[in-house]
Amino acid sequence: MLDVLEQLMGGGVNSYLYRSLVVEKQLAVTAGASYHSAALDPSLFAASAVPKPGVKLSQIERSIDEVIADIAGNPASTADLERVKTRLIARVTYAQDNQEMLARWYGRGLTTGLSIDDIRGWPDGIRAVGAQQVQGAARKWFDKKRAVTGYLIKESTVKHGEKL
């Protein structure tokens, strides 16, 4: 479910973050999200953006928060949901044509507690994810109190005490 949420939110040029920050508001040169479901411990879900020159980082942060609030407040459209599920399932399909990718896929799953059946059944699990589940996951996991925000900047671009 979080894999689907990651793709909806930040998986490419059709993702909600990219469309909002890059295309509609034209605040960033790129935007995306990442999540690693095949991890032994709880994983980090990250949203990121690279602002256009002159755009304040606080504007980017507010815009990301708006996208997150929209995802948590409104179910994804059927078209968006089907697009990202198809994309995720295609990755698994293409991995089967590449021995190295297939080994990584199974190795990652087996070392994090999944069984062979879990790994083989992953596409069916993705197909079963609905808009309400994605919205529920966003509500549960995207709590501002749990969030950490970091700004990666060149030291010389911000003067001591200056607001970002």
N, C-alpha and C. Protein backbone atom coordinates (compact mmCIF):
# COMPACT_ATOMS: atom_id res chain seq x y z
N MET A 1 0.82 -1.19 0.00
CA MET A 1 0.00 0.00 0.00
C MET A 1 0.87 1.27 0.00
N LEU A 2 1.95 1.26 0.81
CA LEU A 2 2.84 2.42 0.82
C LEU A 2 3.62 2.54 -0.48
N ASP A 3 3.84 1.42 -1.16
CA ASP A 3 4.47 1.48 -2.49
C ASP A 3 3.58 2.25 -3.46
N VAL A 4 2.29 1.99 -3.39
CA VAL A 4 1.34 2.69 -4.25
C VAL A 4 1.28 4.16 -3.88
N LEU A 5 1.25 4.46 -2.60
CA LEU A 5 1.25 5.84 -2.13
C LEU A 5 2.49 6.57 -2.60
N GLU A 6 3.65 5.92 -2.51
CA GLU A 6 4.90 6.55 -2.97
C GLU A 6 4.83 6.90 -4.45
N GLN A 7 4.31 6.00 -5.26
CA GLN A 7 4.22 6.27 -6.69
C GLN A 7 3.22 7.38 -7.01
N LEU A 8 2.08 7.37 -6.34
CA LEU A 8 1.10 8.44 -6.53
C LEU A 8 1.69 9.80 -6.16
N MET A 9 2.37 9.82 -5.04
CA MET A 9 2.88 11.07 -4.52
C MET A 9 4.09 11.58 -5.28
N GLY A 10 5.02 10.69 -5.60
CA GLY A 10 6.25 11.20 -6.18
C GLY A 10 6.95 10.33 -7.17
N GLY A 11 6.25 9.46 -7.84
CA GLY A 11 6.87 8.54 -8.79
C GLY A 11 6.82 9.02 -10.23
N GLY A 12 7.58 10.03 -10.54
CA GLY A 12 7.68 10.48 -11.93
C GLY A 12 6.91 11.74 -12.24
N VAL A 13 6.88 12.08 -13.53
CA VAL A 13 6.31 13.35 -13.97
C VAL A 13 4.79 13.42 -13.87
N ASN A 14 4.13 12.29 -13.66
CA ASN A 14 2.68 12.30 -13.47
C ASN A 14 2.28 12.24 -12.00
N SER A 15 3.26 12.26 -11.11
CA SER A 15 2.97 12.18 -9.68
C SER A 15 2.40 13.49 -9.18
N TYR A 16 1.74 13.42 -8.04
CA TYR A 16 1.10 14.60 -7.47
C TYR A 16 2.11 15.69 -7.10
N LEU A 17 3.24 15.30 -6.53
CA LEU A 17 4.25 16.31 -6.19
C LEU A 17 4.80 16.99 -7.43
N TYR A 18 5.15 16.22 -8.42
CA TYR A 18 5.73 16.79 -9.64
C TYR A 18 4.72 17.71 -10.33
N ARG A 19 3.50 17.22 -10.48
CA ARG A 19 2.49 18.05 -11.16
C ARG A 19 2.25 19.35 -10.41
N SER A 20 2.19 19.29 -9.09
CA SER A 20 1.90 20.49 -8.31
C SER A 20 3.07 21.46 -8.27
N LEU A 21 4.24 20.98 -7.87
CA LEU A 21 5.37 21.87 -7.65
C LEU A 21 6.10 22.29 -8.92
N VAL A 22 6.20 21.37 -9.89
CA VAL A 22 6.95 21.67 -11.10
C VAL A 22 6.05 22.22 -12.21
N VAL A 23 4.94 21.56 -12.47
CA VAL A 23 4.10 21.94 -13.61
C VAL A 23 3.15 23.09 -13.26
N GLU A 24 2.34 22.92 -12.21
CA GLU A 24 1.31 23.91 -11.91
C GLU A 24 1.86 25.18 -11.25
N LYS A 25 2.56 25.02 -10.15
CA LYS A 25 3.05 26.19 -9.40
C LYS A 25 4.39 26.71 -9.90
N GLN A 26 5.10 25.89 -10.63
CA GLN A 26 6.42 26.22 -11.18
C GLN A 26 7.38 26.75 -10.12
N LEU A 27 7.40 26.06 -8.98
CA LEU A 27 8.30 26.40 -7.88
C LEU A 27 9.59 25.59 -7.91
N ALA A 28 9.54 24.39 -8.51
CA ALA A 28 10.67 23.48 -8.45
C ALA A 28 11.08 22.98 -9.83
N VAL A 29 12.33 22.54 -9.93
CA VAL A 29 12.78 21.93 -11.18
C VAL A 29 12.51 20.43 -11.19
N THR A 30 12.37 19.86 -10.01
CA THR A 30 11.99 18.46 -9.88
C THR A 30 11.38 18.23 -8.49
N ALA A 31 10.60 17.18 -8.39
CA ALA A 31 9.98 16.82 -7.11
C ALA A 31 9.66 15.33 -7.15
N GLY A 32 9.74 14.69 -6.00
CA GLY A 32 9.45 13.26 -5.96
C GLY A 32 9.31 12.75 -4.55
N ALA A 33 9.15 11.44 -4.46
CA ALA A 33 9.04 10.77 -3.16
C ALA A 33 9.75 9.44 -3.26
N SER A 34 10.16 8.92 -2.12
CA SER A 34 10.78 7.61 -2.10
C SER A 34 10.39 6.86 -0.84
N TYR A 35 10.31 5.56 -1.00
CA TYR A 35 9.99 4.66 0.10
C TYR A 35 10.57 3.30 -0.25
N HIS A 36 11.16 2.64 0.72
CA HIS A 36 11.75 1.32 0.49
C HIS A 36 11.01 0.29 1.34
N SER A 37 10.09 -0.40 0.70
CA SER A 37 9.26 -1.35 1.44
C SER A 37 10.03 -2.59 1.86
N ALA A 38 11.06 -2.95 1.12
CA ALA A 38 11.83 -4.14 1.45
C ALA A 38 12.96 -3.76 2.40
N ALA A 39 12.60 -3.50 3.64
CA ALA A 39 13.58 -3.15 4.66
C ALA A 39 13.30 -3.98 5.90
N LEU A 40 14.34 -4.30 6.63
CA LEU A 40 14.17 -5.10 7.83
C LEU A 40 13.46 -4.31 8.92
N ASP A 41 13.81 -3.05 9.08
CA ASP A 41 13.20 -2.17 10.07
C ASP A 41 12.25 -1.21 9.37
N PRO A 42 11.45 -0.47 10.14
CA PRO A 42 10.59 0.53 9.50
C PRO A 42 11.42 1.45 8.60
N SER A 43 10.87 1.76 7.46
CA SER A 43 11.60 2.51 6.44
C SER A 43 11.19 3.98 6.43
N LEU A 44 12.01 4.76 5.81
CA LEU A 44 11.79 6.19 5.67
C LEU A 44 10.94 6.46 4.42
N PHE A 45 9.94 7.28 4.57
CA PHE A 45 9.15 7.76 3.43
C PHE A 45 9.56 9.22 3.25
N ALA A 46 10.13 9.55 2.11
CA ALA A 46 10.68 10.89 1.92
C ALA A 46 10.02 11.59 0.73
N ALA A 47 9.80 12.87 0.90
CA ALA A 47 9.36 13.74 -0.19
C ALA A 47 10.46 14.76 -0.39
N SER A 48 10.73 15.10 -1.65
CA SER A 48 11.80 16.04 -1.91
C SER A 48 11.48 16.90 -3.13
N ALA A 49 12.15 18.04 -3.18
CA ALA A 49 12.01 18.93 -4.33
C ALA A 49 13.25 19.80 -4.43
N VAL A 50 13.59 20.18 -5.63
CA VAL A 50 14.68 21.12 -5.88
C VAL A 50 14.04 22.41 -6.37
N PRO A 51 14.15 23.49 -5.57
CA PRO A 51 13.48 24.74 -5.96
C PRO A 51 14.15 25.42 -7.14
N LYS A 52 13.35 26.15 -7.88
CA LYS A 52 13.89 27.01 -8.94
C LYS A 52 14.62 28.17 -8.27
N PRO A 53 15.57 28.78 -8.97
CA PRO A 53 16.26 29.93 -8.39
C PRO A 53 15.27 31.00 -7.93
N GLY A 54 15.53 31.52 -6.73
CA GLY A 54 14.68 32.57 -6.17
C GLY A 54 13.50 32.08 -5.36
N VAL A 55 13.22 30.79 -5.39
CA VAL A 55 12.09 30.24 -4.63
C VAL A 55 12.59 29.87 -3.24
N LYS A 56 11.88 30.34 -2.23
CA LYS A 56 12.26 30.05 -0.84
C LYS A 56 11.94 28.60 -0.49
N LEU A 57 12.79 28.02 0.30
CA LEU A 57 12.58 26.64 0.73
C LEU A 57 11.29 26.50 1.52
N SER A 58 10.92 27.54 2.25
CA SER A 58 9.67 27.48 3.01
C SER A 58 8.46 27.37 2.07
N GLN A 59 8.54 27.96 0.87
CA GLN A 59 7.46 27.82 -0.11
C GLN A 59 7.35 26.37 -0.58
N ILE A 60 8.50 25.75 -0.80
CA ILE A 60 8.53 24.36 -1.23
C ILE A 60 7.92 23.48 -0.13
N GLU A 61 8.33 23.71 1.10
CA GLU A 61 7.82 22.91 2.21
C GLU A 61 6.31 23.06 2.34
N ARG A 62 5.80 24.27 2.24
CA ARG A 62 4.35 24.49 2.32
C ARG A 62 3.63 23.76 1.19
N SER A 63 4.19 23.82 0.00
CA SER A 63 3.56 23.17 -1.15
C SER A 63 3.56 21.65 -1.00
N ILE A 64 4.64 21.09 -0.48
CA ILE A 64 4.67 19.65 -0.22
C ILE A 64 3.61 19.29 0.82
N ASP A 65 3.51 20.10 1.87
CA ASP A 65 2.49 19.85 2.90
C ASP A 65 1.08 19.91 2.30
N GLU A 66 0.85 20.81 1.36
CA GLU A 66 -0.46 20.91 0.71
C GLU A 66 -0.77 19.65 -0.10
N VAL A 67 0.22 19.13 -0.81
CA VAL A 67 0.01 17.90 -1.58
C VAL A 67 -0.30 16.74 -0.63
N ILE A 68 0.44 16.65 0.45
CA ILE A 68 0.20 15.59 1.44
C ILE A 68 -1.21 15.70 2.02
N ALA A 69 -1.62 16.92 2.37
CA ALA A 69 -2.97 17.13 2.92
C ALA A 69 -4.04 16.73 1.90
N ASP A 70 -3.80 17.03 0.65
CA ASP A 70 -4.75 16.67 -0.41
C ASP A 70 -4.85 15.15 -0.55
N ILE A 71 -3.72 14.47 -0.51
CA ILE A 71 -3.72 13.00 -0.61
C ILE A 71 -4.47 12.39 0.58
N ALA A 72 -4.23 12.93 1.77
CA ALA A 72 -4.89 12.41 2.97
C ALA A 72 -6.37 12.76 3.00
N GLY A 73 -6.75 13.86 2.35
CA GLY A 73 -8.13 14.31 2.40
C GLY A 73 -9.01 13.84 1.27
N ASN A 74 -8.41 13.41 0.17
CA ASN A 74 -9.18 13.02 -1.02
C ASN A 74 -8.66 11.72 -1.60
N PRO A 75 -9.53 10.78 -1.86
CA PRO A 75 -9.07 9.53 -2.48
C PRO A 75 -8.49 9.79 -3.87
N ALA A 76 -7.51 9.00 -4.24
CA ALA A 76 -6.91 9.10 -5.57
C ALA A 76 -7.94 8.74 -6.63
N SER A 77 -7.80 9.35 -7.79
CA SER A 77 -8.70 9.01 -8.89
C SER A 77 -8.41 7.59 -9.36
N THR A 78 -9.40 6.97 -9.94
CA THR A 78 -9.25 5.61 -10.46
C THR A 78 -8.15 5.57 -11.51
N ALA A 79 -8.09 6.57 -12.38
CA ALA A 79 -7.08 6.60 -13.44
C ALA A 79 -5.67 6.70 -12.85
N ASP A 80 -5.48 7.57 -11.86
CA ASP A 80 -4.17 7.71 -11.23
C ASP A 80 -3.77 6.43 -10.52
N LEU A 81 -4.70 5.83 -9.82
CA LEU A 81 -4.43 4.60 -9.07
C LEU A 81 -4.05 3.47 -10.03
N GLU A 82 -4.79 3.30 -11.08
CA GLU A 82 -4.49 2.24 -12.05
C GLU A 82 -3.15 2.48 -12.74
N ARG A 83 -2.83 3.73 -13.04
CA ARG A 83 -1.56 4.06 -13.69
C ARG A 83 -0.38 3.64 -12.82
N VAL A 84 -0.42 3.99 -11.54
CA VAL A 84 0.72 3.66 -10.68
C VAL A 84 0.79 2.17 -10.37
N LYS A 85 -0.35 1.51 -10.24
CA LYS A 85 -0.32 0.08 -10.00
C LYS A 85 0.25 -0.66 -11.22
N THR A 86 -0.12 -0.22 -12.40
CA THR A 86 0.42 -0.81 -13.62
C THR A 86 1.92 -0.61 -13.69
N ARG A 87 2.37 0.56 -13.32
CA ARG A 87 3.81 0.87 -13.33
C ARG A 87 4.57 -0.02 -12.36
N LEU A 88 4.05 -0.19 -11.15
CA LEU A 88 4.71 -1.03 -10.16
C LEU A 88 4.76 -2.49 -10.61
N ILE A 89 3.66 -2.99 -11.14
CA ILE A 89 3.60 -4.38 -11.58
C ILE A 89 4.52 -4.59 -12.79
N ALA A 90 4.63 -3.60 -13.65
CA ALA A 90 5.53 -3.70 -14.81
C ALA A 90 6.97 -3.87 -14.36
N ARG A 91 7.36 -3.21 -13.28
CA ARG A 91 8.73 -3.36 -12.76
C ARG A 91 9.03 -4.82 -12.43
N VAL A 92 8.06 -5.48 -11.80
CA VAL A 92 8.25 -6.88 -11.43
C VAL A 92 8.33 -7.73 -12.69
N THR A 93 7.48 -7.44 -13.65
CA THR A 93 7.47 -8.20 -14.90
C THR A 93 8.80 -8.06 -15.61
N TYR A 94 9.31 -6.84 -15.72
CA TYR A 94 10.59 -6.62 -16.39
C TYR A 94 11.75 -7.21 -15.60
N ALA A 95 11.65 -7.24 -14.29
CA ALA A 95 12.71 -7.83 -13.46
C ALA A 95 12.88 -9.32 -13.78
N GLN A 96 11.81 -9.97 -14.20
CA GLN A 96 11.89 -11.39 -14.52
C GLN A 96 12.70 -11.65 -15.79
N ASP A 97 12.93 -10.63 -16.59
CA ASP A 97 13.74 -10.77 -17.80
C ASP A 97 15.22 -10.49 -17.55
N ASN A 98 15.57 -10.12 -16.34
CA ASN A 98 16.93 -9.75 -16.01
C ASN A 98 17.35 -10.51 -14.76
N GLN A 99 18.30 -11.43 -14.92
CA GLN A 99 18.69 -12.29 -13.81
C GLN A 99 19.22 -11.49 -12.61
N GLU A 100 19.95 -10.43 -12.86
CA GLU A 100 20.48 -9.62 -11.77
C GLU A 100 19.35 -8.94 -10.99
N MET A 101 18.40 -8.35 -11.69
CA MET A 101 17.27 -7.69 -11.03
C MET A 101 16.41 -8.71 -10.28
N LEU A 102 16.21 -9.85 -10.89
CA LEU A 102 15.43 -10.91 -10.26
C LEU A 102 16.11 -11.37 -8.96
N ALA A 103 17.42 -11.53 -9.01
CA ALA A 103 18.16 -11.93 -7.81
C ALA A 103 18.05 -10.86 -6.72
N ARG A 104 18.13 -9.60 -7.10
CA ARG A 104 17.97 -8.51 -6.12
C ARG A 104 16.58 -8.53 -5.52
N TRP A 105 15.58 -8.71 -6.37
CA TRP A 105 14.19 -8.71 -5.92
C TRP A 105 13.97 -9.80 -4.87
N TYR A 106 14.40 -11.02 -5.19
CA TYR A 106 14.22 -12.13 -4.26
C TYR A 106 15.15 -11.99 -3.06
N GLY A 107 16.38 -11.59 -3.28
CA GLY A 107 17.32 -11.42 -2.18
C GLY A 107 16.85 -10.39 -1.17
N ARG A 108 16.36 -9.25 -1.66
CA ARG A 108 15.85 -8.20 -0.77
C ARG A 108 14.66 -8.71 0.02
N GLY A 109 13.77 -9.41 -0.65
CA GLY A 109 12.58 -9.93 0.04
C GLY A 109 12.92 -10.99 1.07
N LEU A 110 13.76 -11.93 0.69
CA LEU A 110 14.09 -13.03 1.60
C LEU A 110 14.89 -12.55 2.81
N THR A 111 15.75 -11.57 2.63
CA THR A 111 16.55 -11.09 3.76
C THR A 111 15.77 -10.18 4.70
N THR A 112 14.56 -9.80 4.30
CA THR A 112 13.75 -8.95 5.18
C THR A 112 12.51 -9.69 5.70
N GLY A 113 12.53 -11.02 5.60
CA GLY A 113 11.48 -11.80 6.23
C GLY A 113 10.33 -12.24 5.33
N LEU A 114 10.39 -11.95 4.06
CA LEU A 114 9.33 -12.41 3.16
C LEU A 114 9.60 -13.84 2.73
N SER A 115 8.55 -14.53 2.36
CA SER A 115 8.69 -15.88 1.82
C SER A 115 8.67 -15.79 0.29
N ILE A 116 9.00 -16.90 -0.36
CA ILE A 116 8.93 -16.95 -1.82
C ILE A 116 7.50 -16.63 -2.28
N ASP A 117 6.51 -17.19 -1.58
CA ASP A 117 5.11 -16.92 -1.92
C ASP A 117 4.77 -15.44 -1.77
N ASP A 118 5.30 -14.79 -0.72
CA ASP A 118 5.08 -13.34 -0.53
C ASP A 118 5.62 -12.57 -1.72
N ILE A 119 6.81 -12.93 -2.13
CA ILE A 119 7.46 -12.22 -3.23
C ILE A 119 6.69 -12.44 -4.53
N ARG A 120 6.33 -13.67 -4.79
CA ARG A 120 5.57 -13.98 -6.02
C ARG A 120 4.18 -13.33 -6.00
N GLY A 121 3.60 -13.19 -4.80
CA GLY A 121 2.25 -12.64 -4.68
C GLY A 121 2.19 -11.13 -4.61
N TRP A 122 3.36 -10.46 -4.59
CA TRP A 122 3.40 -9.00 -4.46
C TRP A 122 2.55 -8.30 -5.53
N PRO A 123 2.62 -8.68 -6.82
CA PRO A 123 1.78 -8.01 -7.81
C PRO A 123 0.28 -8.11 -7.51
N ASP A 124 -0.16 -9.26 -6.99
CA ASP A 124 -1.57 -9.40 -6.63
C ASP A 124 -1.94 -8.47 -5.48
N GLY A 125 -1.02 -8.32 -4.54
CA GLY A 125 -1.25 -7.38 -3.43
C GLY A 125 -1.36 -5.95 -3.93
N ILE A 126 -0.54 -5.59 -4.89
CA ILE A 126 -0.60 -4.24 -5.46
C ILE A 126 -1.92 -4.05 -6.20
N ARG A 127 -2.32 -5.05 -6.98
CA ARG A 127 -3.60 -4.96 -7.71
C ARG A 127 -4.78 -4.74 -6.76
N ALA A 128 -4.70 -5.30 -5.56
CA ALA A 128 -5.81 -5.24 -4.60
C ALA A 128 -5.90 -3.92 -3.85
N VAL A 129 -4.88 -3.08 -3.93
CA VAL A 129 -4.88 -1.81 -3.19
C VAL A 129 -5.92 -0.86 -3.78
N GLY A 130 -6.76 -0.30 -2.90
CA GLY A 130 -7.79 0.64 -3.32
C GLY A 130 -7.50 2.06 -2.87
N ALA A 131 -8.23 2.98 -3.43
CA ALA A 131 -8.04 4.41 -3.13
C ALA A 131 -8.23 4.71 -1.64
N GLN A 132 -9.20 4.07 -1.02
CA GLN A 132 -9.45 4.31 0.40
C GLN A 132 -8.28 3.83 1.26
N GLN A 133 -7.66 2.73 0.87
CA GLN A 133 -6.50 2.22 1.61
C GLN A 133 -5.32 3.19 1.51
N VAL A 134 -5.10 3.71 0.33
CA VAL A 134 -4.01 4.67 0.12
C VAL A 134 -4.27 5.93 0.94
N GLN A 135 -5.49 6.40 0.89
CA GLN A 135 -5.86 7.59 1.67
C GLN A 135 -5.68 7.32 3.17
N GLY A 136 -6.08 6.16 3.62
CA GLY A 136 -5.92 5.79 5.03
C GLY A 136 -4.45 5.73 5.44
N ALA A 137 -3.61 5.20 4.56
CA ALA A 137 -2.18 5.14 4.86
C ALA A 137 -1.60 6.55 4.95
N ALA A 138 -2.02 7.43 4.07
CA ALA A 138 -1.55 8.82 4.11
C ALA A 138 -1.97 9.48 5.42
N ARG A 139 -3.18 9.25 5.84
CA ARG A 139 -3.66 9.83 7.10
C ARG A 139 -2.87 9.29 8.30
N LYS A 140 -2.59 8.00 8.25
CA LYS A 140 -1.89 7.37 9.36
C LYS A 140 -0.42 7.79 9.44
N TRP A 141 0.27 7.76 8.32
CA TRP A 141 1.72 7.93 8.33
C TRP A 141 2.20 9.36 8.11
N PHE A 142 1.40 10.20 7.49
CA PHE A 142 1.84 11.57 7.22
C PHE A 142 1.36 12.52 8.29
N ASP A 143 1.81 12.30 9.48
CA ASP A 143 1.49 13.15 10.63
C ASP A 143 2.62 14.17 10.76
N LYS A 144 2.31 15.45 10.69
CA LYS A 144 3.31 16.51 10.74
C LYS A 144 4.17 16.42 12.00
N LYS A 145 3.60 15.90 13.08
CA LYS A 145 4.36 15.77 14.33
C LYS A 145 5.49 14.74 14.21
N ARG A 146 5.36 13.83 13.28
CA ARG A 146 6.38 12.79 13.07
C ARG A 146 7.37 13.18 11.99
N ALA A 147 7.12 14.27 11.30
CA ALA A 147 7.93 14.65 10.14
C ALA A 147 9.23 15.32 10.56
N VAL A 148 10.22 15.13 9.73
CA VAL A 148 11.51 15.81 9.87
C VAL A 148 11.78 16.51 8.55
N THR A 149 12.11 17.79 8.61
CA THR A 149 12.40 18.55 7.41
C THR A 149 13.87 18.94 7.41
N GLY A 150 14.51 18.72 6.29
CA GLY A 150 15.91 19.10 6.14
C GLY A 150 16.08 19.92 4.88
N TYR A 151 16.90 20.92 4.98
CA TYR A 151 17.24 21.76 3.82
C TYR A 151 18.70 21.52 3.48
N LEU A 152 18.98 21.08 2.28
CA LEU A 152 20.35 20.93 1.82
C LEU A 152 20.72 22.16 1.01
N ILE A 153 21.59 22.99 1.56
CA ILE A 153 21.95 24.26 0.92
C ILE A 153 23.46 24.47 0.97
N LYS A 154 23.93 25.28 0.05
CA LYS A 154 25.34 25.67 0.10
C LYS A 154 25.49 26.65 1.24
N GLU A 155 26.53 26.48 2.01
CA GLU A 155 26.74 27.33 3.19
C GLU A 155 26.81 28.80 2.81
N SER A 156 27.38 29.10 1.68
CA SER A 156 27.59 30.50 1.30
C SER A 156 26.31 31.20 0.83
N THR A 157 25.21 30.44 0.61
CA THR A 157 24.02 31.06 0.08
C THR A 157 23.10 31.64 1.16
N VAL A 158 23.29 31.25 2.41
CA VAL A 158 22.44 31.73 3.48
C VAL A 158 23.32 32.39 4.54
N LYS A 159 22.98 33.60 4.88
CA LYS A 159 23.71 34.31 5.92
C LYS A 159 23.18 33.89 7.27
N HIS A 160 24.03 33.90 8.27
CA HIS A 160 23.64 33.51 9.62
C HIS A 160 22.42 34.30 10.08
N GLY A 161 21.40 33.59 10.53
CA GLY A 161 20.20 34.24 11.04
C GLY A 161 19.16 34.58 9.97
N GLU A 162 19.48 34.34 8.69
CA GLU A 162 18.55 34.68 7.61
C GLU A 162 17.46 33.61 7.51
N LYS A 163 16.24 34.04 7.27
CA LYS A 163 15.10 33.13 7.10
C LYS A 163 15.17 32.44 5.75
N LEU A 164 14.84 31.17 5.76
CA LEU A 164 14.77 30.42 4.51
C LEU A 164 13.40 30.58 3.98
